[in-house]
Every structure is written in structure tokens, then in C-alpha cells.
Amino acid sequence: GDYTKINNLVHIAHNNKIGQNVVITAHVNISGSNIIEDYVWISPNASIKGWIKIGEGAVIGMSAVVLKDIPAGETWVGNPAKKLER
């Protein structure tokens, strides 16, 4: 998407759809067939398994391992990734 930024040493596999104003930082691994909506931030060393939808404005924490869909506007961290409660 427009204005999306992809840092170095990032692997993006086949058939991914990446929205606008997404930031994908260094060392991120994105498996195939994901949908990453607009304004998502993916922190360093995060891994996203295939067939996942990441909602608009979501934040993926450093080294998070995403195994299921992430709703819009939520922050998920850890291995496996879980919602960060405030």
C-alpha cells in the first residue's frame, strides 16, 4: 500500500496483502496469504504465520509470534502473541 515502509532483512512470502501506512521493521518474518490492514506497526523480530488477518491500527510487539487474527487497534506481544491489556 501507499506509504508503507519495509526495513532491512524482512521476509515477506507469497500472496500477502499489505495496506497503507504500514511499518514493518527489521528482521520480521511474514508467511504467506496474510492480510495486513492500514496503519499497522510490526516491531523487530516478529513472526506472523500464514492465513492471518491483522486489523487496522494494530501493533505487533518485539519478537511476537502471531498465530491467530489480531483485531483492529489492539497491541499483541509475546510468544505466542497475546493481547496486551492496559
PDB file of N, CA and C in Angstrom:
ATOM      1  N   GLY A   1       0.810  -1.194   0.000  1.00  0.00           N
ATOM      2  CA  GLY A   1       0.000   0.000   0.000  1.00  0.00           C
ATOM      3  C   GLY A   1       0.856   1.261   0.000  1.00  0.00           C
ATOM      4  N   ASP A   2       0.257   2.367  -0.310  1.00  0.00           N
ATOM      5  CA  ASP A   2       0.961   3.649  -0.326  1.00  0.00           C
ATOM      6  C   ASP A   2       1.566   3.962   1.029  1.00  0.00           C
ATOM      7  N   TYR A   3       2.761   4.508   1.010  1.00  0.00           N
ATOM      8  CA  TYR A   3       3.497   4.983   2.190  1.00  0.00           C
ATOM      9  C   TYR A   3       3.866   3.880   3.180  1.00  0.00           C
ATOM     10  N   THR A   4       3.775   2.642   2.776  1.00  0.00           N
ATOM     11  CA  THR A   4       4.221   1.542   3.629  1.00  0.00           C
ATOM     12  C   THR A   4       5.733   1.497   3.616  1.00  0.00           C
ATOM     13  N   LYS A   5       6.314   1.234   4.789  1.00  0.00           N
ATOM     14  CA  LYS A   5       7.778   1.192   4.932  1.00  0.00           C
ATOM     15  C   LYS A   5       8.201  -0.203   5.358  1.00  0.00           C
ATOM     16  N   ILE A   6       9.190  -0.767   4.638  1.00  0.00           N
ATOM     17  CA  ILE A   6       9.708  -2.093   4.936  1.00  0.00           C
ATOM     18  C   ILE A   6      11.196  -1.959   5.186  1.00  0.00           C
ATOM     19  N   ASN A   7      11.642  -2.326   6.391  1.00  0.00           N
ATOM     20  CA  ASN A   7      13.042  -2.210   6.784  1.00  0.00           C
ATOM     21  C   ASN A   7      13.847  -3.359   6.190  1.00  0.00           C
ATOM     22  N   ASN A   8      15.119  -3.455   6.595  1.00  0.00           N
ATOM     23  CA  ASN A   8      16.007  -4.466   6.032  1.00  0.00           C
ATOM     24  C   ASN A   8      15.810  -5.835   6.678  1.00  0.00           C
ATOM     25  N   LEU A   9      16.255  -6.877   5.974  1.00  0.00           N
ATOM     26  CA  LEU A   9      16.227  -8.262   6.442  1.00  0.00           C
ATOM     27  C   LEU A   9      14.823  -8.740   6.794  1.00  0.00           C
ATOM     28  N   VAL A  10      13.846  -8.296   6.021  1.00  0.00           N
ATOM     29  CA  VAL A  10      12.453  -8.709   6.195  1.00  0.00           C
ATOM     30  C   VAL A  10      12.131  -9.762   5.143  1.00  0.00           C
ATOM     31  N   HIS A  11      11.435 -10.811   5.551  1.00  0.00           N
ATOM     32  CA  HIS A  11      10.968 -11.828   4.594  1.00  0.00           C
ATOM     33  C   HIS A  11       9.456 -11.733   4.503  1.00  0.00           C
ATOM     34  N   ILE A  12       8.960 -11.486   3.295  1.00  0.00           N
ATOM     35  CA  ILE A  12       7.522 -11.457   3.045  1.00  0.00           C
ATOM     36  C   ILE A  12       7.240 -12.529   1.997  1.00  0.00           C
ATOM     37  N   ALA A  13       6.511 -13.561   2.394  1.00  0.00           N
ATOM     38  CA  ALA A  13       6.233 -14.680   1.489  1.00  0.00           C
ATOM     39  C   ALA A  13       5.125 -14.313   0.497  1.00  0.00           C
ATOM     40  N   HIS A  14       4.656 -15.301  -0.220  1.00  0.00           N
ATOM     41  CA  HIS A  14       3.694 -15.155  -1.319  1.00  0.00           C
ATOM     42  C   HIS A  14       2.310 -14.717  -0.850  1.00  0.00           C
ATOM     43  N   ASN A  15       1.602 -14.039  -1.744  1.00  0.00           N
ATOM     44  CA  ASN A  15       0.171 -13.790  -1.627  1.00  0.00           C
ATOM     45  C   ASN A  15      -0.241 -12.969  -0.409  1.00  0.00           C
ATOM     46  N   ASN A  16       0.622 -12.083   0.086  1.00  0.00           N
ATOM     47  CA  ASN A  16       0.255 -11.193   1.186  1.00  0.00           C
ATOM     48  C   ASN A  16      -0.339  -9.912   0.637  1.00  0.00           C
ATOM     49  N   LYS A  17      -1.300  -9.358   1.367  1.00  0.00           N
ATOM     50  CA  LYS A  17      -1.877  -8.056   1.033  1.00  0.00           C
ATOM     51  C   LYS A  17      -1.534  -7.119   2.176  1.00  0.00           C
ATOM     52  N   ILE A  18      -0.785  -6.057   1.860  1.00  0.00           N
ATOM     53  CA  ILE A  18      -0.309  -5.128   2.886  1.00  0.00           C
ATOM     54  C   ILE A  18      -0.892  -3.752   2.574  1.00  0.00           C
ATOM     55  N   GLY A  19      -1.562  -3.170   3.574  1.00  0.00           N
ATOM     56  CA  GLY A  19      -2.271  -1.909   3.391  1.00  0.00           C
ATOM     57  C   GLY A  19      -1.377  -0.680   3.362  1.00  0.00           C
ATOM     58  N   GLN A  20      -2.000   0.477   3.534  1.00  0.00           N
ATOM     59  CA  GLN A  20      -1.313   1.763   3.508  1.00  0.00           C
ATOM     60  C   GLN A  20      -0.735   2.113   4.873  1.00  0.00           C
ATOM     61  N   ASN A  21       0.365   2.866   4.858  1.00  0.00           N
ATOM     62  CA  ASN A  21       0.996   3.389   6.067  1.00  0.00           C
ATOM     63  C   ASN A  21       1.333   2.297   7.081  1.00  0.00           C
ATOM     64  N   VAL A  22       1.712   1.135   6.586  1.00  0.00           N
ATOM     65  CA  VAL A  22       2.160   0.039   7.444  1.00  0.00           C
ATOM     66  C   VAL A  22       3.659   0.192   7.652  1.00  0.00           C
ATOM     67  N   VAL A  23       4.136  -0.078   8.873  1.00  0.00           N
ATOM     68  CA  VAL A  23       5.569  -0.072   9.159  1.00  0.00           C
ATOM     69  C   VAL A  23       5.970  -1.490   9.530  1.00  0.00           C
ATOM     70  N   ILE A  24       6.892  -2.052   8.745  1.00  0.00           N
ATOM     71  CA  ILE A  24       7.433  -3.383   9.007  1.00  0.00           C
ATOM     72  C   ILE A  24       8.917  -3.189   9.302  1.00  0.00           C
ATOM     73  N   THR A  25       9.299  -3.375  10.565  1.00  0.00           N
ATOM     74  CA  THR A  25      10.665  -3.093  10.989  1.00  0.00           C
ATOM     75  C   THR A  25      11.586  -4.288  10.687  1.00  0.00           C
ATOM     76  N   ALA A  26      12.840  -4.175  11.078  1.00  0.00           N
ATOM     77  CA  ALA A  26      13.878  -5.152  10.716  1.00  0.00           C
ATOM     78  C   ALA A  26      13.610  -6.550  11.255  1.00  0.00           C
ATOM     79  N   HIS A  27      14.043  -7.539  10.484  1.00  0.00           N
ATOM     80  CA  HIS A  27      14.043  -8.960  10.864  1.00  0.00           C
ATOM     81  C   HIS A  27      12.650  -9.553  11.055  1.00  0.00           C
ATOM     82  N   VAL A  28      11.653  -9.009  10.412  1.00  0.00           N
ATOM     83  CA  VAL A  28      10.293  -9.550  10.513  1.00  0.00           C
ATOM     84  C   VAL A  28      10.132 -10.673   9.492  1.00  0.00           C
ATOM     85  N   ASN A  29       9.415 -11.733   9.891  1.00  0.00           N
ATOM     86  CA  ASN A  29       9.115 -12.852   9.002  1.00  0.00           C
ATOM     87  C   ASN A  29       7.597 -12.953   8.840  1.00  0.00           C
ATOM     88  N   ILE A  30       7.131 -12.795   7.611  1.00  0.00           N
ATOM     89  CA  ILE A  30       5.700 -12.871   7.329  1.00  0.00           C
ATOM     90  C   ILE A  30       5.467 -14.032   6.368  1.00  0.00           C
ATOM     91  N   SER A  31       4.783 -15.068   6.847  1.00  0.00           N
ATOM     92  CA  SER A  31       4.468 -16.211   5.989  1.00  0.00           C
ATOM     93  C   SER A  31       3.389 -15.824   4.985  1.00  0.00           C
ATOM     94  N   GLY A  32       2.940 -16.774   4.173  1.00  0.00           N
ATOM     95  CA  GLY A  32       2.066 -16.470   3.050  1.00  0.00           C
ATOM     96  C   GLY A  32       0.600 -16.256   3.383  1.00  0.00           C
ATOM     97  N   SER A  33      -0.060 -15.542   2.484  1.00  0.00           N
ATOM     98  CA  SER A  33      -1.517 -15.381   2.445  1.00  0.00           C
ATOM     99  C   SER A  33      -2.102 -14.636   3.639  1.00  0.00           C
ATOM    100  N   ASN A  34      -1.419 -13.614   4.118  1.00  0.00           N
ATOM    101  CA  ASN A  34      -1.919 -12.781   5.214  1.00  0.00           C
ATOM    102  C   ASN A  34      -2.557 -11.515   4.660  1.00  0.00           C
ATOM    103  N   ILE A  35      -3.417 -10.908   5.470  1.00  0.00           N
ATOM    104  CA  ILE A  35      -3.963  -9.584   5.170  1.00  0.00           C
ATOM    105  C   ILE A  35      -3.539  -8.669   6.306  1.00  0.00           C
ATOM    106  N   ILE A  36      -2.772  -7.660   5.964  1.00  0.00           N
ATOM    107  CA  ILE A  36      -2.325  -6.673   6.945  1.00  0.00           C
ATOM    108  C   ILE A  36      -2.976  -5.354   6.555  1.00  0.00           C
ATOM    109  N   GLU A  37      -3.902  -4.898   7.380  1.00  0.00           N
ATOM    110  CA  GLU A  37      -4.669  -3.699   7.040  1.00  0.00           C
ATOM    111  C   GLU A  37      -3.849  -2.428   7.284  1.00  0.00           C
ATOM    112  N   ASP A  38      -4.451  -1.273   7.025  1.00  0.00           N
ATOM    113  CA  ASP A  38      -3.768   0.022   7.103  1.00  0.00           C
ATOM    114  C   ASP A  38      -3.303   0.358   8.522  1.00  0.00           C
ATOM    115  N   TYR A  39      -2.219   1.140   8.607  1.00  0.00           N
ATOM    116  CA  TYR A  39      -1.695   1.733   9.843  1.00  0.00           C
ATOM    117  C   TYR A  39      -1.238   0.697  10.881  1.00  0.00           C
ATOM    118  N   VAL A  40      -0.793  -0.453  10.439  1.00  0.00           N
ATOM    119  CA  VAL A  40      -0.271  -1.484  11.347  1.00  0.00           C
ATOM    120  C   VAL A  40       1.214  -1.238  11.568  1.00  0.00           C
ATOM    121  N   TRP A  41       1.682  -1.481  12.786  1.00  0.00           N
ATOM    122  CA  TRP A  41       3.104  -1.404  13.136  1.00  0.00           C
ATOM    123  C   TRP A  41       3.550  -2.805  13.537  1.00  0.00           C
ATOM    124  N   ILE A  42       4.583  -3.327  12.859  1.00  0.00           N
ATOM    125  CA  ILE A  42       5.131  -4.641  13.191  1.00  0.00           C
ATOM    126  C   ILE A  42       6.558  -4.430  13.677  1.00  0.00           C
ATOM    127  N   SER A  43       6.792  -4.731  14.957  1.00  0.00           N
ATOM    128  CA  SER A  43       8.076  -4.469  15.612  1.00  0.00           C
ATOM    129  C   SER A  43       9.139  -5.491  15.212  1.00  0.00           C
ATOM    130  N   PRO A  44      10.430  -5.203  15.520  1.00  0.00           N
ATOM    131  CA  PRO A  44      11.531  -6.080  15.114  1.00  0.00           C
ATOM    132  C   PRO A  44      11.368  -7.522  15.592  1.00  0.00           C
ATOM    133  N   ASN A  45      11.811  -8.442  14.730  1.00  0.00           N
ATOM    134  CA  ASN A  45      11.882  -9.881  15.005  1.00  0.00           C
ATOM    135  C   ASN A  45      10.528 -10.563  15.155  1.00  0.00           C
ATOM    136  N   ALA A  46       9.439  -9.900  14.835  1.00  0.00           N
ATOM    137  CA  ALA A  46       8.122 -10.539  14.914  1.00  0.00           C
ATOM    138  C   ALA A  46       7.985 -11.571  13.800  1.00  0.00           C
ATOM    139  N   SER A  47       7.191 -12.603  14.071  1.00  0.00           N
ATOM    140  CA  SER A  47       6.882 -13.634  13.072  1.00  0.00           C
ATOM    141  C   SER A  47       5.366 -13.771  12.976  1.00  0.00           C
ATOM    142  N   ILE A  48       4.887 -13.860  11.748  1.00  0.00           N
ATOM    143  CA  ILE A  48       3.447 -13.980  11.516  1.00  0.00           C
ATOM    144  C   ILE A  48       3.217 -15.220  10.667  1.00  0.00           C
ATOM    145  N   LYS A  49       2.467 -16.195  11.208  1.00  0.00           N
ATOM    146  CA  LYS A  49       2.185 -17.412  10.440  1.00  0.00           C
ATOM    147  C   LYS A  49       1.196 -17.094   9.338  1.00  0.00           C
ATOM    148  N   GLY A  50       1.011 -17.987   8.413  1.00  0.00           N
ATOM    149  CA  GLY A  50       0.153 -17.768   7.257  1.00  0.00           C
ATOM    150  C   GLY A  50      -1.330 -17.738   7.588  1.00  0.00           C
ATOM    151  N   TRP A  51      -2.093 -17.107   6.685  1.00  0.00           N
ATOM    152  CA  TRP A  51      -3.547 -17.037   6.744  1.00  0.00           C
ATOM    153  C   TRP A  51      -4.048 -16.276   7.972  1.00  0.00           C
ATOM    154  N   ILE A  52      -3.387 -15.176   8.296  1.00  0.00           N
ATOM    155  CA  ILE A  52      -3.729 -14.325   9.440  1.00  0.00           C
ATOM    156  C   ILE A  52      -4.253 -12.989   8.912  1.00  0.00           C
ATOM    157  N   LYS A  53      -5.205 -12.389   9.644  1.00  0.00           N
ATOM    158  CA  LYS A  53      -5.646 -11.029   9.343  1.00  0.00           C
ATOM    159  C   LYS A  53      -5.278 -10.149  10.520  1.00  0.00           C
ATOM    160  N   ILE A  54      -4.561  -9.065  10.224  1.00  0.00           N
ATOM    161  CA  ILE A  54      -4.169  -8.091  11.245  1.00  0.00           C
ATOM    162  C   ILE A  54      -4.964  -6.821  10.970  1.00  0.00           C
ATOM    163  N   GLY A  55      -5.809  -6.450  11.936  1.00  0.00           N
ATOM    164  CA  GLY A  55      -6.731  -5.336  11.761  1.00  0.00           C
ATOM    165  C   GLY A  55      -6.060  -3.974  11.744  1.00  0.00           C
ATOM    166  N   GLU A  56      -6.776  -3.005  11.233  1.00  0.00           N
ATOM    167  CA  GLU A  56      -6.271  -1.640  11.085  1.00  0.00           C
ATOM    168  C   GLU A  56      -5.796  -1.068  12.417  1.00  0.00           C
ATOM    169  N   GLY A  57      -4.606  -0.453  12.398  1.00  0.00           N
ATOM    170  CA  GLY A  57      -4.064   0.213  13.566  1.00  0.00           C
ATOM    171  C   GLY A  57      -3.510  -0.707  14.641  1.00  0.00           C
ATOM    172  N   ALA A  58      -3.415  -1.991  14.370  1.00  0.00           N
ATOM    173  CA  ALA A  58      -2.865  -2.926  15.355  1.00  0.00           C
ATOM    174  C   ALA A  58      -1.356  -2.744  15.484  1.00  0.00           C
ATOM    175  N   VAL A  59      -0.826  -3.147  16.640  1.00  0.00           N
ATOM    176  CA  VAL A  59       0.616  -3.106  16.895  1.00  0.00           C
ATOM    177  C   VAL A  59       1.063  -4.504  17.298  1.00  0.00           C
ATOM    178  N   ILE A  60       2.102  -4.994  16.641  1.00  0.00           N
ATOM    179  CA  ILE A  60       2.702  -6.286  16.969  1.00  0.00           C
ATOM    180  C   ILE A  60       4.010  -5.987  17.697  1.00  0.00           C
ATOM    181  N   GLY A  61       4.155  -6.497  18.922  1.00  0.00           N
ATOM    182  CA  GLY A  61       5.319  -6.209  19.746  1.00  0.00           C
ATOM    183  C   GLY A  61       6.584  -6.921  19.283  1.00  0.00           C
ATOM    184  N   MET A  62       7.699  -6.488  19.851  1.00  0.00           N
ATOM    185  CA  MET A  62       9.003  -7.035  19.509  1.00  0.00           C
ATOM    186  C   MET A  62       9.057  -8.538  19.770  1.00  0.00           C
ATOM    187  N   SER A  63       9.497  -9.297  18.785  1.00  0.00           N
ATOM    188  CA  SER A  63       9.659 -10.756  18.833  1.00  0.00           C
ATOM    189  C   SER A  63       8.354 -11.517  19.051  1.00  0.00           C
ATOM    190  N   ALA A  64       7.229 -10.894  18.826  1.00  0.00           N
ATOM    191  CA  ALA A  64       5.943 -11.581  18.978  1.00  0.00           C
ATOM    192  C   ALA A  64       5.801 -12.654  17.903  1.00  0.00           C
ATOM    193  N   VAL A  65       5.136 -13.739  18.266  1.00  0.00           N
ATOM    194  CA  VAL A  65       4.839 -14.816  17.329  1.00  0.00           C
ATOM    195  C   VAL A  65       3.318 -14.858  17.166  1.00  0.00           C
ATOM    196  N   VAL A  66       2.844 -14.370  16.042  1.00  0.00           N
ATOM    197  CA  VAL A  66       1.415 -14.215  15.803  1.00  0.00           C
ATOM    198  C   VAL A  66       0.866 -15.502  15.181  1.00  0.00           C
ATOM    199  N   LEU A  67      -0.076 -16.143  15.893  1.00  0.00           N
ATOM    200  CA  LEU A  67      -0.646 -17.413  15.455  1.00  0.00           C
ATOM    201  C   LEU A  67      -2.131 -17.323  15.134  1.00  0.00           C
ATOM    202  N   LYS A  68      -2.768 -16.166  15.421  1.00  0.00           N
ATOM    203  CA  LYS A  68      -4.187 -16.014  15.110  1.00  0.00           C
ATOM    204  C   LYS A  68      -4.482 -14.555  14.777  1.00  0.00           C
ATOM    205  N   ASP A  69      -5.682 -14.313  14.269  1.00  0.00           N
ATOM    206  CA  ASP A  69      -6.070 -12.970  13.838  1.00  0.00           C
ATOM    207  C   ASP A  69      -5.948 -11.963  14.982  1.00  0.00           C
ATOM    208  N   ILE A  70      -5.600 -10.728  14.609  1.00  0.00           N
ATOM    209  CA  ILE A  70      -5.487  -9.644  15.577  1.00  0.00           C
ATOM    210  C   ILE A  70      -6.519  -8.579  15.210  1.00  0.00           C
ATOM    211  N   PRO A  71      -7.427  -8.262  16.139  1.00  0.00           N
ATOM    212  CA  PRO A  71      -8.452  -7.249  15.853  1.00  0.00           C
ATOM    213  C   PRO A  71      -7.850  -5.846  15.695  1.00  0.00           C
ATOM    214  N   ALA A  72      -8.586  -4.982  15.046  1.00  0.00           N
ATOM    215  CA  ALA A  72      -8.155  -3.601  14.813  1.00  0.00           C
ATOM    216  C   ALA A  72      -7.865  -2.888  16.128  1.00  0.00           C
ATOM    217  N   GLY A  73      -6.790  -2.100  16.128  1.00  0.00           N
ATOM    218  CA  GLY A  73      -6.464  -1.234  17.250  1.00  0.00           C
ATOM    219  C   GLY A  73      -5.849  -1.900  18.472  1.00  0.00           C
ATOM    220  N   GLU A  74      -5.616  -3.194  18.433  1.00  0.00           N
ATOM    221  CA  GLU A  74      -5.064  -3.881  19.604  1.00  0.00           C
ATOM    222  C   GLU A  74      -3.552  -4.029  19.500  1.00  0.00           C
ATOM    223  N   THR A  75      -2.910  -4.160  20.663  1.00  0.00           N
ATOM    224  CA  THR A  75      -1.474  -4.417  20.743  1.00  0.00           C
ATOM    225  C   THR A  75      -1.276  -5.834  21.262  1.00  0.00           C
ATOM    226  N   TRP A  76      -0.480  -6.621  20.532  1.00  0.00           N
ATOM    227  CA  TRP A  76      -0.224  -8.013  20.909  1.00  0.00           C
ATOM    228  C   TRP A  76       1.271  -8.223  21.077  1.00  0.00           C
ATOM    229  N   VAL A  77       1.644  -8.953  22.133  1.00  0.00           N
ATOM    230  CA  VAL A  77       3.059  -9.210  22.433  1.00  0.00           C
ATOM    231  C   VAL A  77       3.231 -10.663  22.879  1.00  0.00           C
ATOM    232  N   GLY A  78       4.471 -11.130  22.842  1.00  0.00           N
ATOM    233  CA  GLY A  78       4.814 -12.431  23.415  1.00  0.00           C
ATOM    234  C   GLY A  78       4.851 -13.570  22.425  1.00  0.00           C
ATOM    235  N   ASN A  79       5.146 -14.756  22.994  1.00  0.00           N
ATOM    236  CA  ASN A  79       5.245 -15.992  22.220  1.00  0.00           C
ATOM    237  C   ASN A  79       4.511 -17.098  22.958  1.00  0.00           C
ATOM    238  N   PRO A  80       3.339 -17.503  22.502  1.00  0.00           N
ATOM    239  CA  PRO A  80       2.586 -16.946  21.363  1.00  0.00           C
ATOM    240  C   PRO A  80       2.013 -15.573  21.723  1.00  0.00           C
ATOM    241  N   ALA A  81       1.755 -14.789  20.696  1.00  0.00           N
ATOM    242  CA  ALA A  81       1.274 -13.423  20.914  1.00  0.00           C
ATOM    243  C   ALA A  81      -0.094 -13.431  21.596  1.00  0.00           C
ATOM    244  N   LYS A  82      -0.226 -12.532  22.570  1.00  0.00           N
ATOM    245  CA  LYS A  82      -1.480 -12.335  23.301  1.00  0.00           C
ATOM    246  C   LYS A  82      -1.741 -10.832  23.412  1.00  0.00           C
ATOM    247  N   LYS A  83      -3.003 -10.484  23.584  1.00  0.00           N
ATOM    248  CA  LYS A  83      -3.372  -9.069  23.691  1.00  0.00           C
ATOM    249  C   LYS A  83      -2.739  -8.468  24.940  1.00  0.00           C
ATOM    250  N   LEU A  84      -2.146  -7.288  24.759  1.00  0.00           N
ATOM    251  CA  LEU A  84      -1.583  -6.538  25.873  1.00  0.00           C
ATOM    252  C   LEU A  84      -2.701  -5.746  26.521  1.00  0.00           C
ATOM    253  N   GLU A  85      -2.999  -6.077  27.750  1.00  0.00           N
ATOM    254  CA  GLU A  85      -4.048  -5.376  28.495  1.00  0.00           C
ATOM    255  C   GLU A  85      -3.439  -4.141  29.144  1.00  0.00           C
ATOM    256  N   ARG A  86      -4.162  -3.062  29.124  1.00  0.00           N
ATOM    257  CA  ARG A  86      -3.651  -1.815  29.702  1.00  0.00           C
ATOM    258  C   ARG A  86      -4.157  -1.618  31.098  1.00  0.00           C
TER     259      ARG A  86
END
